[in-house]
Amino acid sequence: MKPQAASLALLFYLLAVGCGERMAIPPAPSLKPQCGFASYYHATLAGNPTANGEAYDPKKLTAAHLTLPFDTEVLVRRRDGDEKVRVRINDRGPYVDDRIIDLSPAAAKKIGIFGEDGVAEVCLAIIAAPSES
């Protein structure tokens, strides 16, 4: 093969490899306990679809988290007291910088953050990961 043809072939190969589509691999959700602020959804959103497709029900013990898989069971515990609640992740959020979880009103009532500021410092612990069936 002539040097010019070999150089051209190498150039096309490098262009093809360099221009190939790259898939971004999202980071794996942390299974370590997380601490931060929790807030809650307004009940007026009842019936709207959540990120996993089910209708939002403010009376159920559910929550939104940015990275945990849907159907993960999480224990939410207030840092300033003994209140705790078990919730199931069925939505994405919160989209406020200092928040780590958005709770349904039913869950917020269980840990005493419904009303007033509607925000409290909490710690999250994974109770059960969803089954891979």
Protein backbone atom coordinates (compact mmCIF):
# COMPACT_ATOMS: atom_id res chain seq x y z
CA MET A 1 0.00 0.00 0.00
CA LYS A 2 1.29 3.43 -0.87
CA PRO A 3 2.22 5.69 2.05
CA GLN A 4 -0.38 8.26 0.98
CA ALA A 5 -3.17 5.65 0.83
CA ALA A 6 -2.13 4.22 4.21
CA SER A 7 -2.21 7.70 5.76
CA LEU A 8 -5.64 8.36 4.26
CA ALA A 9 -6.98 5.03 5.55
CA LEU A 10 -5.63 5.78 9.04
CA LEU A 11 -7.18 9.26 8.96
CA PHE A 12 -10.63 7.87 8.03
CA TYR A 13 -10.36 5.22 10.74
CA LEU A 14 -9.48 7.79 13.41
CA LEU A 15 -12.31 10.06 12.28
CA ALA A 16 -14.80 7.20 12.39
CA VAL A 17 -13.72 6.12 15.87
CA GLY A 18 -13.53 9.69 17.20
CA CYS A 19 -16.95 10.67 15.86
CA GLY A 20 -18.74 7.58 17.12
CA GLU A 21 -21.66 8.06 19.47
CA ARG A 22 -20.74 7.72 23.13
CA MET A 23 -23.30 6.75 25.70
CA ALA A 24 -23.20 8.47 29.05
CA ILE A 25 -23.43 6.00 31.89
CA PRO A 26 -25.33 7.54 34.80
CA PRO A 27 -23.75 7.20 38.22
CA ALA A 28 -25.06 4.35 40.33
CA PRO A 29 -27.32 5.49 43.15
CA SER A 30 -25.66 5.54 46.52
CA LEU A 31 -26.89 2.91 48.95
CA LYS A 32 -25.19 4.70 51.83
CA PRO A 33 -27.36 6.66 54.27
CA GLN A 34 -27.94 10.22 53.07
CA CYS A 35 -28.69 13.26 55.19
CA GLY A 36 -30.15 16.55 54.04
CA PHE A 37 -33.46 18.37 53.81
CA ALA A 38 -36.86 16.89 53.05
CA SER A 39 -39.93 18.73 51.84
CA TYR A 40 -43.30 17.57 50.56
CA TYR A 41 -45.54 17.77 47.50
CA HIS A 42 -48.73 19.77 47.56
CA ALA A 43 -51.93 17.69 47.63
CA THR A 44 -53.31 19.67 44.65
CA LEU A 45 -51.07 17.53 42.42
CA ALA A 46 -53.25 14.48 43.20
CA GLY A 47 -53.93 12.40 40.11
CA ASN A 48 -51.01 13.79 38.10
CA PRO A 49 -48.64 11.13 36.76
CA THR A 50 -45.43 10.51 38.68
CA ALA A 51 -42.17 9.72 36.90
CA ASN A 52 -42.87 5.97 37.09
CA GLY A 53 -46.29 6.47 35.46
CA GLU A 54 -48.60 5.93 38.41
CA ALA A 55 -51.07 8.58 39.54
CA TYR A 56 -49.85 10.69 42.46
CA ASP A 57 -51.83 9.93 45.61
CA PRO A 58 -51.11 12.30 48.52
CA LYS A 59 -52.57 9.74 50.95
CA LYS A 60 -49.94 7.09 50.16
CA LEU A 61 -46.50 6.88 51.76
CA THR A 62 -44.46 7.71 48.66
CA ALA A 63 -41.59 10.02 47.77
CA ALA A 64 -39.43 11.47 45.01
CA HIS A 65 -35.66 10.99 44.86
CA LEU A 66 -33.26 12.00 42.09
CA THR A 67 -31.33 8.72 41.73
CA LEU A 68 -32.79 5.86 43.75
CA PRO A 69 -34.55 3.25 41.60
CA PHE A 70 -38.34 3.26 41.55
CA ASP A 71 -39.93 1.01 44.18
CA THR A 72 -36.96 1.36 46.54
CA GLU A 73 -38.19 1.34 50.15
CA VAL A 74 -36.57 4.10 52.22
CA LEU A 75 -36.70 4.91 55.92
CA VAL A 76 -36.85 8.70 56.41
CA ARG A 77 -35.86 9.80 59.93
CA ARG A 78 -35.85 13.35 61.30
CA ARG A 79 -32.48 14.40 62.65
CA ASP A 80 -33.99 16.48 65.45
CA GLY A 81 -36.30 13.80 66.84
CA ASP A 82 -37.52 10.23 66.76
CA GLU A 83 -40.10 10.63 64.00
CA LYS A 84 -39.63 8.29 61.07
CA VAL A 85 -41.60 6.98 58.11
CA ARG A 86 -41.15 4.25 55.52
CA VAL A 87 -41.77 5.42 51.94
CA ARG A 88 -41.60 3.96 48.45
CA ILE A 89 -39.82 5.90 45.69
CA ASN A 90 -42.19 6.50 42.76
CA ASP A 91 -41.08 9.87 41.39
CA ARG A 92 -38.05 12.02 40.56
CA GLY A 93 -37.04 15.14 42.43
CA PRO A 94 -36.66 17.26 44.37
CA TYR A 95 -35.29 19.91 42.07
CA VAL A 96 -34.25 22.32 44.83
CA ASP A 97 -30.51 22.40 45.56
CA ASP A 98 -30.55 21.68 49.29
CA ARG A 99 -33.26 18.97 49.26
CA ILE A 100 -32.68 15.21 49.05
CA ILE A 101 -36.26 13.91 49.07
CA ASP A 102 -39.83 15.11 48.46
CA LEU A 103 -42.46 13.33 50.53
CA SER A 104 -46.18 12.85 50.01
CA PRO A 105 -48.33 14.81 52.50
CA ALA A 106 -49.18 11.52 54.27
CA ALA A 107 -45.46 10.82 54.81
CA ALA A 108 -44.76 14.44 55.79
CA LYS A 109 -47.46 14.23 58.48
CA LYS A 110 -45.87 11.08 59.93
CA ILE A 111 -42.61 12.93 60.63
CA GLY A 112 -44.24 16.23 61.58
CA ILE A 113 -43.23 18.49 58.70
CA PHE A 114 -46.66 19.03 57.16
CA GLY A 115 -47.56 22.73 57.37
CA GLU A 116 -45.35 25.45 58.89
CA ASP A 117 -42.06 25.50 56.95
CA GLY A 118 -42.69 22.11 55.40
CA VAL A 119 -38.98 21.35 55.51
CA ALA A 120 -36.88 19.36 57.96
CA GLU A 121 -33.43 17.86 58.14
CA VAL A 122 -33.63 14.09 57.69
CA CYS A 123 -31.52 11.01 57.10
CA LEU A 124 -32.45 8.34 54.57
CA ALA A 125 -31.66 4.65 54.86
CA ILE A 126 -32.41 2.06 52.19
CA ILE A 127 -34.69 -0.64 53.61
CA ALA A 128 -35.35 -2.66 50.46
CA ALA A 129 -34.17 -2.34 46.88
CA PRO A 130 -36.63 -3.26 44.12
CA SER A 131 -36.51 -6.83 42.88
CA GLU A 132 -35.04 -7.34 39.42
CA SER A 133 -37.77 -9.45 37.87
